[in-house]
């Protein structure tokens, strides 16, 4: 077998292996996101009274669900893998836009501005 054919087989096999790993990794990430605990979030509705409810609660207008945000965004396996990005984008972009308008707004960069890691860690059992 020529070295060119060997190289071609090696590259093809490597590409197939990479695709398989990425495929399995994506499925694993989706299943883990639906079951892993989330860092508690500081969110005060009274700090958001200038924002129309439907901006965050899209289900008020599009009738996609009811209950808490987590009831769909965390436990619906079709969208659970997007939850973290959805919430971070929604909150961060609104806070950034509000600051650009010269008004006070919530955090945009620091995790502990919204998440209470110490509360989460105090509830996790460490073996």
N, C-alpha and C. Protein backbone atom coordinates (compact mmCIF):
# COMPACT_ATOMS: atom_id res chain seq x y z
N UNK A 1 0.85 -1.16 0.00
CA UNK A 1 0.00 0.00 0.00
C UNK A 1 0.90 1.24 0.00
N UNK A 2 0.59 2.21 -0.83
CA UNK A 2 1.43 3.40 -0.94
C UNK A 2 1.26 4.29 0.29
N UNK A 3 2.24 5.13 0.51
CA UNK A 3 2.17 6.02 1.68
C UNK A 3 1.05 7.04 1.53
N UNK A 4 0.71 7.42 0.30
CA UNK A 4 -0.40 8.35 0.08
C UNK A 4 -1.73 7.73 0.51
N UNK A 5 -1.93 6.45 0.17
CA UNK A 5 -3.15 5.75 0.55
C UNK A 5 -3.20 5.60 2.07
N UNK A 6 -2.07 5.28 2.68
CA UNK A 6 -2.01 5.15 4.14
C UNK A 6 -2.36 6.47 4.82
N UNK A 7 -1.83 7.56 4.29
CA UNK A 7 -2.13 8.88 4.87
C UNK A 7 -3.61 9.21 4.71
N UNK A 8 -4.16 8.91 3.55
CA UNK A 8 -5.57 9.17 3.30
C UNK A 8 -6.45 8.36 4.25
N UNK A 9 -6.10 7.09 4.45
CA UNK A 9 -6.86 6.26 5.39
C UNK A 9 -6.73 6.78 6.82
N UNK A 10 -5.55 7.21 7.18
CA UNK A 10 -5.31 7.74 8.51
C UNK A 10 -6.15 9.01 8.74
N UNK A 11 -6.13 9.92 7.77
CA UNK A 11 -6.91 11.16 7.89
C UNK A 11 -8.41 10.88 7.92
N UNK A 12 -8.86 9.96 7.08
CA UNK A 12 -10.28 9.62 7.05
C UNK A 12 -10.72 8.99 8.37
N UNK A 13 -9.92 8.07 8.88
CA UNK A 13 -10.22 7.44 10.16
C UNK A 13 -10.21 8.43 11.31
N UNK A 14 -9.25 9.35 11.29
CA UNK A 14 -9.17 10.37 12.34
C UNK A 14 -10.39 11.29 12.30
N UNK A 15 -10.80 11.66 11.09
CA UNK A 15 -11.97 12.52 10.95
C UNK A 15 -13.23 11.81 11.44
N UNK A 16 -13.36 10.53 11.11
CA UNK A 16 -14.54 9.76 11.55
C UNK A 16 -14.55 9.65 13.07
N UNK A 17 -13.41 9.41 13.67
CA UNK A 17 -13.31 9.32 15.13
C UNK A 17 -13.67 10.65 15.78
N UNK A 18 -13.19 11.74 15.22
CA UNK A 18 -13.50 13.06 15.75
C UNK A 18 -15.01 13.33 15.69
N UNK A 19 -15.64 13.01 14.58
CA UNK A 19 -17.08 13.21 14.44
C UNK A 19 -17.82 12.37 15.48
N UNK A 20 -17.40 11.13 15.68
CA UNK A 20 -18.06 10.25 16.66
C UNK A 20 -17.92 10.80 18.07
N UNK A 21 -16.74 11.29 18.42
CA UNK A 21 -16.51 11.85 19.76
C UNK A 21 -17.37 13.09 19.97
N UNK A 22 -17.43 13.96 18.96
CA UNK A 22 -18.25 15.16 19.08
C UNK A 22 -19.73 14.81 19.20
N UNK A 23 -20.17 13.81 18.47
CA UNK A 23 -21.57 13.39 18.50
C UNK A 23 -21.94 12.87 19.89
N UNK A 24 -21.12 11.98 20.42
CA UNK A 24 -21.36 11.41 21.75
C UNK A 24 -21.25 12.50 22.81
N UNK A 25 -20.28 13.40 22.66
CA UNK A 25 -20.10 14.49 23.62
C UNK A 25 -21.31 15.40 23.69
N UNK A 26 -21.91 15.71 22.55
CA UNK A 26 -23.09 16.57 22.51
C UNK A 26 -24.26 15.90 23.21
N UNK A 27 -24.47 14.62 22.97
CA UNK A 27 -25.55 13.89 23.64
C UNK A 27 -25.32 13.84 25.15
N UNK A 28 -24.08 13.60 25.56
CA UNK A 28 -23.75 13.55 26.98
C UNK A 28 -24.01 14.90 27.63
N UNK A 29 -23.58 15.99 26.98
CA UNK A 29 -23.77 17.33 27.54
C UNK A 29 -25.26 17.62 27.74
N UNK A 30 -26.09 17.25 26.79
CA UNK A 30 -27.53 17.48 26.91
C UNK A 30 -28.11 16.74 28.11
N UNK A 31 -27.71 15.47 28.29
CA UNK A 31 -28.27 14.70 29.40
C UNK A 31 -27.77 15.21 30.75
N UNK A 32 -26.53 15.66 30.81
CA UNK A 32 -25.97 16.17 32.07
C UNK A 32 -26.63 17.49 32.44
N UNK A 33 -26.86 18.36 31.48
CA UNK A 33 -27.44 19.65 31.80
C UNK A 33 -28.83 19.54 32.39
N UNK A 34 -29.56 18.51 32.03
CA UNK A 34 -30.91 18.35 32.57
C UNK A 34 -30.91 17.78 33.97
N UNK A 35 -29.79 17.20 34.41
CA UNK A 35 -29.76 16.57 35.73
C UNK A 35 -28.82 17.24 36.72
N UNK A 36 -27.90 18.05 36.25
CA UNK A 36 -26.94 18.65 37.19
C UNK A 36 -27.59 19.78 37.98
N UNK A 37 -27.11 20.00 39.19
CA UNK A 37 -27.64 21.12 39.96
C UNK A 37 -27.17 22.44 39.36
N UNK A 38 -27.94 23.47 39.54
CA UNK A 38 -27.59 24.79 39.04
C UNK A 38 -27.20 25.68 40.19
N UNK A 39 -26.30 26.61 39.91
CA UNK A 39 -25.96 27.59 40.93
C UNK A 39 -27.20 28.45 41.19
N UNK A 40 -27.53 28.68 42.45
CA UNK A 40 -28.68 29.55 42.75
C UNK A 40 -28.46 30.94 42.15
N UNK A 41 -29.53 31.55 41.71
CA UNK A 41 -29.47 32.86 41.07
C UNK A 41 -30.17 33.88 41.95
N UNK A 42 -29.54 35.05 42.07
CA UNK A 42 -30.16 36.17 42.76
C UNK A 42 -31.01 36.89 41.72
N UNK A 43 -32.29 36.92 41.91
CA UNK A 43 -33.17 37.65 40.99
C UNK A 43 -34.30 38.26 41.79
N UNK A 44 -34.39 39.56 41.75
CA UNK A 44 -35.44 40.28 42.47
C UNK A 44 -36.41 40.88 41.45
N UNK A 45 -37.65 40.40 41.44
CA UNK A 45 -38.63 40.95 40.51
C UNK A 45 -38.81 42.46 40.69
N UNK A 46 -38.77 42.95 41.93
CA UNK A 46 -39.00 44.38 42.15
C UNK A 46 -37.90 45.24 41.53
N UNK A 47 -36.73 44.66 41.21
CA UNK A 47 -35.67 45.41 40.52
C UNK A 47 -35.90 45.46 39.02
N UNK A 48 -36.92 44.78 38.54
CA UNK A 48 -37.14 44.67 37.09
C UNK A 48 -38.53 45.19 36.68
N UNK A 49 -39.10 46.07 37.48
CA UNK A 49 -40.47 46.54 37.19
C UNK A 49 -40.56 47.43 35.97
N UNK A 50 -39.45 47.98 35.50
CA UNK A 50 -39.46 48.80 34.28
C UNK A 50 -39.43 47.95 33.02
N UNK A 51 -39.26 46.65 33.17
CA UNK A 51 -39.21 45.73 32.03
C UNK A 51 -40.56 45.05 31.89
N UNK A 52 -41.08 45.03 30.68
CA UNK A 52 -42.36 44.34 30.43
C UNK A 52 -42.20 42.86 30.78
N UNK A 53 -43.18 42.28 31.42
CA UNK A 53 -43.11 40.89 31.88
C UNK A 53 -42.78 39.92 30.74
N UNK A 54 -43.40 40.14 29.57
CA UNK A 54 -43.23 39.19 28.47
C UNK A 54 -41.82 39.16 27.90
N UNK A 55 -40.97 40.14 28.24
CA UNK A 55 -39.59 40.11 27.76
C UNK A 55 -38.89 38.86 28.30
N UNK A 56 -39.13 38.54 29.54
CA UNK A 56 -38.56 37.32 30.14
C UNK A 56 -39.55 36.16 30.08
N UNK A 57 -40.80 36.45 30.36
CA UNK A 57 -41.84 35.42 30.40
C UNK A 57 -42.51 35.33 29.03
N UNK A 58 -41.76 34.82 28.05
CA UNK A 58 -42.28 34.73 26.69
C UNK A 58 -43.54 33.88 26.61
N UNK A 59 -43.70 32.97 27.55
CA UNK A 59 -44.88 32.09 27.54
C UNK A 59 -46.18 32.85 27.79
N UNK A 60 -46.09 34.09 28.25
CA UNK A 60 -47.30 34.90 28.40
C UNK A 60 -47.91 35.24 27.05
N UNK A 61 -47.08 35.32 26.02
CA UNK A 61 -47.58 35.71 24.70
C UNK A 61 -47.56 34.59 23.67
N UNK A 62 -46.59 33.69 23.78
CA UNK A 62 -46.51 32.63 22.76
C UNK A 62 -47.11 31.31 23.22
N UNK A 63 -47.61 31.27 24.45
CA UNK A 63 -48.29 30.10 25.01
C UNK A 63 -47.48 28.80 24.88
N UNK A 64 -46.17 28.90 25.14
CA UNK A 64 -45.31 27.72 25.04
C UNK A 64 -45.20 26.95 26.34
N UNK A 65 -45.75 27.43 27.41
CA UNK A 65 -45.66 26.69 28.65
C UNK A 65 -46.14 27.52 29.82
N UNK A 66 -46.08 26.92 30.97
CA UNK A 66 -46.49 27.61 32.18
C UNK A 66 -45.57 27.20 33.31
N UNK A 67 -45.79 27.76 34.44
CA UNK A 67 -44.95 27.40 35.58
C UNK A 67 -43.65 28.18 35.57
N UNK A 68 -42.67 27.62 36.24
CA UNK A 68 -41.39 28.31 36.37
C UNK A 68 -40.57 28.18 35.09
N UNK A 69 -39.58 29.04 34.97
CA UNK A 69 -38.68 28.98 33.81
C UNK A 69 -38.02 27.61 33.73
N UNK A 70 -37.60 27.10 34.89
CA UNK A 70 -36.90 25.81 34.91
C UNK A 70 -37.77 24.65 34.45
N UNK A 71 -39.09 24.77 34.64
CA UNK A 71 -39.95 23.64 34.27
C UNK A 71 -39.82 23.29 32.79
N UNK A 72 -39.51 24.27 31.97
CA UNK A 72 -39.24 23.97 30.55
C UNK A 72 -37.75 24.04 30.23
N UNK A 73 -37.13 25.15 30.60
CA UNK A 73 -35.76 25.40 30.16
C UNK A 73 -34.75 24.44 30.76
N UNK A 74 -35.05 23.82 31.87
CA UNK A 74 -34.11 22.84 32.44
C UNK A 74 -34.54 21.41 32.15
N UNK A 75 -35.80 21.13 32.23
CA UNK A 75 -36.24 19.73 32.18
C UNK A 75 -36.74 19.26 30.82
N UNK A 76 -36.92 20.16 29.87
CA UNK A 76 -37.28 19.77 28.51
C UNK A 76 -35.96 19.47 27.78
N UNK A 77 -35.69 18.21 27.51
CA UNK A 77 -34.40 17.82 26.94
C UNK A 77 -34.13 18.43 25.57
N UNK A 78 -35.17 18.89 24.89
CA UNK A 78 -34.95 19.51 23.59
C UNK A 78 -34.31 20.90 23.71
N UNK A 79 -34.51 21.57 24.84
CA UNK A 79 -33.93 22.91 25.00
C UNK A 79 -33.02 23.04 26.22
N UNK A 80 -32.95 22.03 27.06
CA UNK A 80 -32.16 22.13 28.30
C UNK A 80 -30.69 22.44 28.01
N UNK A 81 -30.15 21.89 26.94
CA UNK A 81 -28.75 22.13 26.63
C UNK A 81 -28.48 23.58 26.22
N UNK A 82 -29.52 24.34 25.92
CA UNK A 82 -29.38 25.74 25.54
C UNK A 82 -29.67 26.70 26.69
N UNK A 83 -30.14 26.15 27.82
CA UNK A 83 -30.64 26.99 28.91
C UNK A 83 -29.61 28.00 29.41
N UNK A 84 -28.42 27.54 29.72
CA UNK A 84 -27.41 28.43 30.28
C UNK A 84 -27.12 29.59 29.32
N UNK A 85 -26.96 29.29 28.04
CA UNK A 85 -26.71 30.34 27.06
C UNK A 85 -27.91 31.28 26.94
N UNK A 86 -29.12 30.72 26.96
CA UNK A 86 -30.32 31.55 26.84
C UNK A 86 -30.42 32.56 27.98
N UNK A 87 -30.27 32.08 29.21
CA UNK A 87 -30.40 32.97 30.35
C UNK A 87 -29.26 33.97 30.40
N UNK A 88 -28.04 33.51 30.19
CA UNK A 88 -26.92 34.44 30.22
C UNK A 88 -27.08 35.52 29.16
N UNK A 89 -27.47 35.14 27.96
CA UNK A 89 -27.64 36.12 26.89
C UNK A 89 -28.76 37.09 27.21
N UNK A 90 -29.90 36.60 27.64
CA UNK A 90 -31.04 37.47 27.95
C UNK A 90 -30.67 38.48 29.03
N UNK A 91 -30.15 38.01 30.14
CA UNK A 91 -29.85 38.90 31.27
C UNK A 91 -28.69 39.84 30.95
N UNK A 92 -27.59 39.28 30.48
CA UNK A 92 -26.40 40.09 30.21
C UNK A 92 -26.68 41.16 29.15
N UNK A 93 -27.35 40.79 28.07
CA UNK A 93 -27.63 41.76 27.01
C UNK A 93 -28.53 42.89 27.50
N UNK A 94 -29.52 42.55 28.30
CA UNK A 94 -30.41 43.58 28.85
C UNK A 94 -29.64 44.50 29.78
N UNK A 95 -28.82 43.93 30.66
CA UNK A 95 -28.03 44.75 31.58
C UNK A 95 -27.07 45.65 30.81
N UNK A 96 -26.44 45.11 29.76
CA UNK A 96 -25.50 45.90 28.96
C UNK A 96 -26.21 47.04 28.26
N UNK A 97 -27.34 46.75 27.63
CA UNK A 97 -28.11 47.77 26.93
C UNK A 97 -28.56 48.87 27.89
N UNK A 98 -29.01 48.47 29.06
CA UNK A 98 -29.46 49.44 30.06
C UNK A 98 -28.31 50.34 30.51
N UNK A 99 -27.14 49.76 30.70
CA UNK A 99 -25.97 50.56 31.09
C UNK A 99 -25.57 51.52 29.98
N UNK A 100 -25.64 51.06 28.73
CA UNK A 100 -25.29 51.93 27.60
C UNK A 100 -26.24 53.13 27.49
N UNK A 101 -27.46 52.96 28.01
CA UNK A 101 -28.43 54.06 28.04
C UNK A 101 -28.20 54.99 29.23
N UNK A 102 -27.14 54.70 30.03
CA UNK A 102 -26.78 55.55 31.15
C UNK A 102 -27.52 55.26 32.44
N UNK A 103 -28.20 54.13 32.49
CA UNK A 103 -28.95 53.76 33.68
C UNK A 103 -28.22 52.65 34.44
N UNK A 104 -28.55 52.52 35.72
CA UNK A 104 -27.99 51.43 36.52
C UNK A 104 -28.59 50.11 36.07
N UNK A 105 -27.79 49.06 36.14
CA UNK A 105 -28.27 47.74 35.73
C UNK A 105 -27.50 46.68 36.50
N UNK A 106 -27.96 45.46 36.39
CA UNK A 106 -27.32 44.34 37.06
C UNK A 106 -25.97 44.00 36.46
N UNK A 107 -25.34 42.97 37.00
CA UNK A 107 -23.99 42.59 36.57
C UNK A 107 -23.96 42.08 35.14
N UNK A 108 -22.79 42.24 34.52
CA UNK A 108 -22.62 41.75 33.15
C UNK A 108 -21.42 40.81 33.01
N UNK A 109 -20.54 40.78 33.98
CA UNK A 109 -19.34 39.96 33.84
C UNK A 109 -19.07 38.99 34.99
N UNK A 110 -19.28 39.39 36.20
CA UNK A 110 -18.87 38.55 37.32
C UNK A 110 -19.94 37.52 37.66
N UNK A 111 -19.53 36.27 37.77
CA UNK A 111 -20.46 35.18 38.08
C UNK A 111 -21.16 35.42 39.42
N UNK A 112 -20.39 35.86 40.41
CA UNK A 112 -20.97 36.02 41.74
C UNK A 112 -21.87 37.25 41.84
N UNK A 113 -22.01 38.00 40.76
CA UNK A 113 -22.98 39.08 40.74
C UNK A 113 -24.40 38.55 40.67
N UNK A 114 -24.56 37.36 40.12
CA UNK A 114 -25.89 36.74 40.00
C UNK A 114 -25.99 35.41 40.74
N UNK A 115 -24.88 34.69 40.80
CA UNK A 115 -24.90 33.34 41.38
C UNK A 115 -24.30 33.33 42.78
N UNK A 116 -24.92 32.55 43.65
CA UNK A 116 -24.45 32.40 45.02
C UNK A 116 -23.75 31.06 45.18
N UNK A 117 -22.50 31.00 44.82
CA UNK A 117 -21.77 29.73 44.86
C UNK A 117 -21.72 29.15 46.27
N UNK A 118 -21.60 29.99 47.29
CA UNK A 118 -21.49 29.46 48.65
C UNK A 118 -22.77 28.76 49.09
N UNK A 119 -23.92 29.24 48.62
CA UNK A 119 -25.18 28.57 48.93
C UNK A 119 -25.22 27.21 48.26
N UNK A 120 -24.82 27.16 47.01
CA UNK A 120 -24.78 25.91 46.27
C UNK A 120 -23.83 24.92 46.93
N UNK A 121 -22.63 25.37 47.24
CA UNK A 121 -21.62 24.48 47.80
C UNK A 121 -22.02 23.98 49.19
N UNK A 122 -22.77 24.76 49.95
CA UNK A 122 -23.18 24.32 51.28
C UNK A 122 -24.22 23.21 51.20
N UNK A 123 -24.89 23.05 50.04
CA UNK A 123 -25.91 22.04 49.88
C UNK A 123 -25.39 20.76 49.20
N UNK A 124 -24.15 20.81 48.72
CA UNK A 124 -23.59 19.66 48.03
C UNK A 124 -22.86 18.80 49.04
N UNK A 125 -23.17 17.52 49.02
CA UNK A 125 -22.48 16.60 49.91
C UNK A 125 -21.14 16.23 49.29
N UNK A 126 -20.08 16.41 50.05
CA UNK A 126 -18.75 16.07 49.55
C UNK A 126 -18.33 14.78 50.22
N UNK A 127 -18.02 13.78 49.39
CA UNK A 127 -17.60 12.48 49.92
C UNK A 127 -16.18 12.50 50.41
